Amino acid sequence: VTVSLSRLAFGMDMLALLRLEESRDASLLVSRSQFTEVAKCELSFAALERGLKAFVKYVPWDVVRMMLNGEMSSTNAMARCKVSILFMDIAGFSTLCEQVAVERLNLVTQDYLQAMCKIIVESGGTLDKFIGDCVMALWNAPRHLKHH
């Protein structure tokens, strides 16, 4: 029982931090307990994990984090504010796709997207989505920026 509950608690902690890969690893390790209550908790955790993973596919990570931390709810999520929106992609990407090996293209795209995400997050922006090689981000929503 102790091992099952410890793994379940670890998985829940990782899920609360949105460290979804680590929560998945923990849920895979959880053995189905012979105790009904523990087994129900394990099944509920797995369902919660699946639901959250599906949810973060459609909602920006920052918004999900704010909701989990209690900083935002579905009732206070809508408000008028001035925002800055960025759409940015790689110039000539279609041509590049035709000229470069897939493995190299994958590395270039991955490096570009990681660098852009880092800059966006460090400047207080919210990464909204990727559209192919395009990055969409916004500032001053959902998190208010004092000097926007």
C-alpha atoms as a PDB file:
ATOM      1  CA  VAL A   1       0.000   0.000   0.000  1.00  0.00           C
ATOM      2  CA  THR A   2       2.788   2.417   0.935  1.00  0.00           C
ATOM      3  CA  VAL A   3       4.534   2.001  -2.430  1.00  0.00           C
ATOM      4  CA  SER A   4       1.294   2.501  -4.388  1.00  0.00           C
ATOM      5  CA  LEU A   5       0.366   5.608  -2.409  1.00  0.00           C
ATOM      6  CA  SER A   6       3.891   7.053  -2.627  1.00  0.00           C
ATOM      7  CA  ARG A   7       3.961   6.641  -6.406  1.00  0.00           C
ATOM      8  CA  LEU A   8       0.459   8.045  -6.690  1.00  0.00           C
ATOM      9  CA  ALA A   9       1.411  11.073  -4.560  1.00  0.00           C
ATOM     10  CA  PHE A  10       4.543  11.655  -6.650  1.00  0.00           C
ATOM     11  CA  GLY A  11       2.520  11.466  -9.870  1.00  0.00           C
ATOM     12  CA  MET A  12      -0.033  13.928  -8.503  1.00  0.00           C
ATOM     13  CA  ASP A  13       2.730  16.343  -7.467  1.00  0.00           C
ATOM     14  CA  MET A  14       4.215  16.199 -10.977  1.00  0.00           C
ATOM     15  CA  LEU A  15       0.791  16.689 -12.520  1.00  0.00           C
ATOM     16  CA  ALA A  16       0.140  19.751 -10.349  1.00  0.00           C
ATOM     17  CA  LEU A  17       3.433  21.211 -11.594  1.00  0.00           C
ATOM     18  CA  LEU A  18       2.440  20.337 -15.190  1.00  0.00           C
ATOM     19  CA  ARG A  19       5.455  18.085 -15.475  1.00  0.00           C
ATOM     20  CA  LEU A  20       3.352  15.711 -17.531  1.00  0.00           C
ATOM     21  CA  GLU A  21       6.102  13.368 -18.673  1.00  0.00           C
ATOM     22  CA  GLU A  22       7.136  12.709 -15.079  1.00  0.00           C
ATOM     23  CA  SER A  23       3.524  12.241 -13.977  1.00  0.00           C
ATOM     24  CA  ARG A  24       3.075   9.726 -16.812  1.00  0.00           C
ATOM     25  CA  ASP A  25       6.198   7.871 -15.740  1.00  0.00           C
ATOM     26  CA  ALA A  26       4.852   7.719 -12.199  1.00  0.00           C
ATOM     27  CA  SER A  27       1.422   6.492 -13.284  1.00  0.00           C
ATOM     28  CA  LEU A  28       3.000   3.714 -15.332  1.00  0.00           C
ATOM     29  CA  LEU A  29       4.864   2.540 -12.242  1.00  0.00           C
ATOM     30  CA  VAL A  30       1.768   2.466 -10.052  1.00  0.00           C
ATOM     31  CA  SER A  31       0.622  -1.083  -9.623  1.00  0.00           C
ATOM     32  CA  ARG A  32      -3.067  -1.750  -9.309  1.00  0.00           C
ATOM     33  CA  SER A  33      -3.574  -2.098  -5.594  1.00  0.00           C
ATOM     34  CA  GLN A  34      -5.541  -4.912  -4.056  1.00  0.00           C
ATOM     35  CA  PHE A  35      -7.178  -2.314  -1.805  1.00  0.00           C
ATOM     36  CA  THR A  36     -10.332  -0.962  -3.412  1.00  0.00           C
ATOM     37  CA  GLU A  37      -9.885   2.639  -2.261  1.00  0.00           C
ATOM     38  CA  VAL A  38      -6.269   2.825  -3.490  1.00  0.00           C
ATOM     39  CA  ALA A  39      -7.192   1.209  -6.817  1.00  0.00           C
ATOM     40  CA  LYS A  40      -9.997   3.782  -7.268  1.00  0.00           C
ATOM     41  CA  CYS A  41      -7.543   6.613  -6.560  1.00  0.00           C
ATOM     42  CA  GLU A  42      -5.141   5.179  -9.150  1.00  0.00           C
ATOM     43  CA  LEU A  43      -7.896   4.998 -11.779  1.00  0.00           C
ATOM     44  CA  SER A  44      -9.082   8.522 -10.950  1.00  0.00           C
ATOM     45  CA  PHE A  45      -5.534   9.836 -11.192  1.00  0.00           C
ATOM     46  CA  ALA A  46      -5.075   8.215 -14.609  1.00  0.00           C
ATOM     47  CA  ALA A  47      -8.348   9.789 -15.832  1.00  0.00           C
ATOM     48  CA  LEU A  48      -7.348  13.210 -14.468  1.00  0.00           C
ATOM     49  CA  GLU A  49      -3.960  12.923 -16.151  1.00  0.00           C
ATOM     50  CA  ARG A  50      -5.522  12.029 -19.521  1.00  0.00           C
ATOM     51  CA  GLY A  51      -7.957  14.927 -19.235  1.00  0.00           C
ATOM     52  CA  LEU A  52      -5.265  17.456 -18.357  1.00  0.00           C
ATOM     53  CA  LYS A  53      -3.036  16.265 -21.203  1.00  0.00           C
ATOM     54  CA  ALA A  54      -5.919  16.716 -23.621  1.00  0.00           C
ATOM     55  CA  PHE A  55      -6.735  20.150 -22.153  1.00  0.00           C
ATOM     56  CA  VAL A  56      -3.191  21.533 -22.547  1.00  0.00           C
ATOM     57  CA  LYS A  57      -3.325  20.728 -26.259  1.00  0.00           C
ATOM     58  CA  TYR A  58      -5.919  23.488 -26.674  1.00  0.00           C
ATOM     59  CA  VAL A  59      -5.127  25.976 -23.909  1.00  0.00           C
ATOM     60  CA  PRO A  60      -1.796  27.796 -23.455  1.00  0.00           C
ATOM     61  CA  TRP A  61       0.395  26.388 -20.672  1.00  0.00           C
ATOM     62  CA  ASP A  62       0.416  29.709 -18.791  1.00  0.00           C
ATOM     63  CA  VAL A  63      -3.374  29.708 -18.631  1.00  0.00           C
ATOM     64  CA  VAL A  64      -3.475  26.121 -17.371  1.00  0.00           C
ATOM     65  CA  ARG A  65      -0.825  26.929 -14.741  1.00  0.00           C
ATOM     66  CA  MET A  66      -2.763  29.980 -13.579  1.00  0.00           C
ATOM     67  CA  MET A  67      -5.945  27.919 -13.319  1.00  0.00           C
ATOM     68  CA  LEU A  68      -4.190  25.174 -11.350  1.00  0.00           C
ATOM     69  CA  ASN A  69      -2.616  27.754  -9.024  1.00  0.00           C
ATOM     70  CA  GLY A  70      -5.996  29.395  -8.417  1.00  0.00           C
ATOM     71  CA  GLU A  71      -4.923  32.657 -10.106  1.00  0.00           C
ATOM     72  CA  MET A  72      -7.635  32.339 -12.757  1.00  0.00           C
ATOM     73  CA  SER A  73     -10.967  30.637 -13.087  1.00  0.00           C
ATOM     74  CA  SER A  74     -13.331  30.253 -15.979  1.00  0.00           C
ATOM     75  CA  THR A  75     -15.461  33.084 -14.542  1.00  0.00           C
ATOM     76  CA  ASN A  76     -12.703  35.711 -14.372  1.00  0.00           C
ATOM     77  CA  ALA A  77     -10.838  34.666 -17.499  1.00  0.00           C
ATOM     78  CA  MET A  78     -12.536  37.227 -19.756  1.00  0.00           C
ATOM     79  CA  ALA A  79     -11.532  40.877 -19.475  1.00  0.00           C
ATOM     80  CA  ARG A  80     -10.774  43.715 -21.859  1.00  0.00           C
ATOM     81  CA  CYS A  81      -7.127  44.621 -22.042  1.00  0.00           C
ATOM     82  CA  LYS A  82      -4.529  45.841 -24.511  1.00  0.00           C
ATOM     83  CA  VAL A  83      -2.316  43.029 -25.725  1.00  0.00           C
ATOM     84  CA  SER A  84       0.623  42.633 -28.029  1.00  0.00           C
ATOM     85  CA  ILE A  85       0.440  39.663 -30.385  1.00  0.00           C
ATOM     86  CA  LEU A  86       3.350  38.145 -32.265  1.00  0.00           C
ATOM     87  CA  PHE A  87       3.179  35.888 -35.300  1.00  0.00           C
ATOM     88  CA  MET A  88       6.672  34.890 -36.371  1.00  0.00           C
ATOM     89  CA  ASP A  89       7.944  32.294 -38.808  1.00  0.00           C
ATOM     90  CA  ILE A  90      11.068  31.370 -40.721  1.00  0.00           C
ATOM     91  CA  ALA A  91      11.379  33.352 -43.962  1.00  0.00           C
ATOM     92  CA  GLY A  92      11.657  30.996 -46.949  1.00  0.00           C
ATOM     93  CA  PHE A  93      10.744  27.936 -44.910  1.00  0.00           C
ATOM     94  CA  SER A  94       8.886  26.233 -47.771  1.00  0.00           C
ATOM     95  CA  THR A  95      11.932  26.568 -50.034  1.00  0.00           C
ATOM     96  CA  LEU A  96      14.182  25.366 -47.206  1.00  0.00           C
ATOM     97  CA  CYS A  97      11.980  22.269 -46.811  1.00  0.00           C
ATOM     98  CA  GLU A  98      12.623  21.358 -50.437  1.00  0.00           C
ATOM     99  CA  GLN A  99      16.394  21.784 -50.202  1.00  0.00           C
ATOM    100  CA  VAL A 100      17.386  20.322 -46.829  1.00  0.00           C
ATOM    101  CA  ALA A 101      17.321  16.749 -45.538  1.00  0.00           C
ATOM    102  CA  VAL A 102      14.459  16.030 -43.148  1.00  0.00           C
ATOM    103  CA  GLU A 103      16.804  15.304 -40.222  1.00  0.00           C
ATOM    104  CA  ARG A 104      18.609  18.639 -40.652  1.00  0.00           C
ATOM    105  CA  LEU A 105      15.330  20.505 -41.131  1.00  0.00           C
ATOM    106  CA  ASN A 106      13.995  18.970 -37.933  1.00  0.00           C
ATOM    107  CA  LEU A 107      17.065  20.132 -35.969  1.00  0.00           C
ATOM    108  CA  VAL A 108      16.924  23.658 -37.407  1.00  0.00           C
ATOM    109  CA  THR A 109      13.196  23.969 -36.688  1.00  0.00           C
ATOM    110  CA  GLN A 110      13.583  22.568 -33.186  1.00  0.00           C
ATOM    111  CA  ASP A 111      16.447  24.960 -32.369  1.00  0.00           C
ATOM    112  CA  TYR A 112      14.476  27.916 -33.729  1.00  0.00           C
ATOM    113  CA  LEU A 113      11.286  27.070 -31.823  1.00  0.00           C
ATOM    114  CA  GLN A 114      13.163  26.451 -28.560  1.00  0.00           C
ATOM    115  CA  ALA A 115      15.031  29.761 -28.865  1.00  0.00           C
ATOM    116  CA  MET A 116      11.827  31.682 -29.630  1.00  0.00           C
ATOM    117  CA  CYS A 117       9.949  30.050 -26.754  1.00  0.00           C
ATOM    118  CA  LYS A 118      12.731  30.931 -24.330  1.00  0.00           C
ATOM    119  CA  ILE A 119      12.689  34.593 -25.430  1.00  0.00           C
ATOM    120  CA  ILE A 120       8.886  34.758 -25.240  1.00  0.00           C
ATOM    121  CA  VAL A 121       8.725  33.266 -21.753  1.00  0.00           C
ATOM    122  CA  GLU A 122      11.645  35.345 -20.426  1.00  0.00           C
ATOM    123  CA  SER A 123       9.963  38.537 -21.655  1.00  0.00           C
ATOM    124  CA  GLY A 124       6.688  37.680 -19.890  1.00  0.00           C
ATOM    125  CA  GLY A 125       4.848  36.488 -22.973  1.00  0.00           C
ATOM    126  CA  THR A 126       2.406  33.620 -23.254  1.00  0.00           C
ATOM    127  CA  LEU A 127       3.107  31.049 -25.922  1.00  0.00           C
ATOM    128  CA  ASP A 128      -0.214  30.476 -27.618  1.00  0.00           C
ATOM    129  CA  LYS A 129       0.534  27.967 -30.361  1.00  0.00           C
ATOM    130  CA  PHE A 130       2.771  26.681 -33.092  1.00  0.00           C
ATOM    131  CA  ILE A 131       1.455  26.727 -36.638  1.00  0.00           C
ATOM    132  CA  GLY A 132       4.043  24.784 -38.621  1.00  0.00           C
ATOM    133  CA  ASP A 133       7.183  26.913 -38.304  1.00  0.00           C
ATOM    134  CA  CYS A 134       5.138  29.874 -37.021  1.00  0.00           C
ATOM    135  CA  VAL A 135       5.040  30.849 -33.367  1.00  0.00           C
ATOM    136  CA  MET A 136       2.082  32.779 -31.958  1.00  0.00           C
ATOM    137  CA  ALA A 137       2.550  34.555 -28.646  1.00  0.00           C
ATOM    138  CA  LEU A 138       0.911  37.347 -26.706  1.00  0.00           C
ATOM    139  CA  TRP A 139       1.803  39.740 -23.928  1.00  0.00           C
ATOM    140  CA  ASN A 140      -0.366  41.244 -21.179  1.00  0.00           C
ATOM    141  CA  ALA A 141      -2.821  38.359 -21.240  1.00  0.00           C
ATOM    142  CA  PRO A 142      -3.672  36.226 -19.470  1.00  0.00           C
ATOM    143  CA  ARG A 143      -1.055  37.524 -17.041  1.00  0.00           C
ATOM    144  CA  HIS A 144      -1.079  41.316 -16.592  1.00  0.00           C
ATOM    145  CA  LEU A 145       2.312  42.904 -17.239  1.00  0.00           C
ATOM    146  CA  LYS A 146       2.974  46.033 -15.202  1.00  0.00           C
ATOM    147  CA  HIS A 147       4.954  47.860 -17.898  1.00  0.00           C
ATOM    148  CA  HIS A 148       3.075  46.747 -21.004  1.00  0.00           C
END
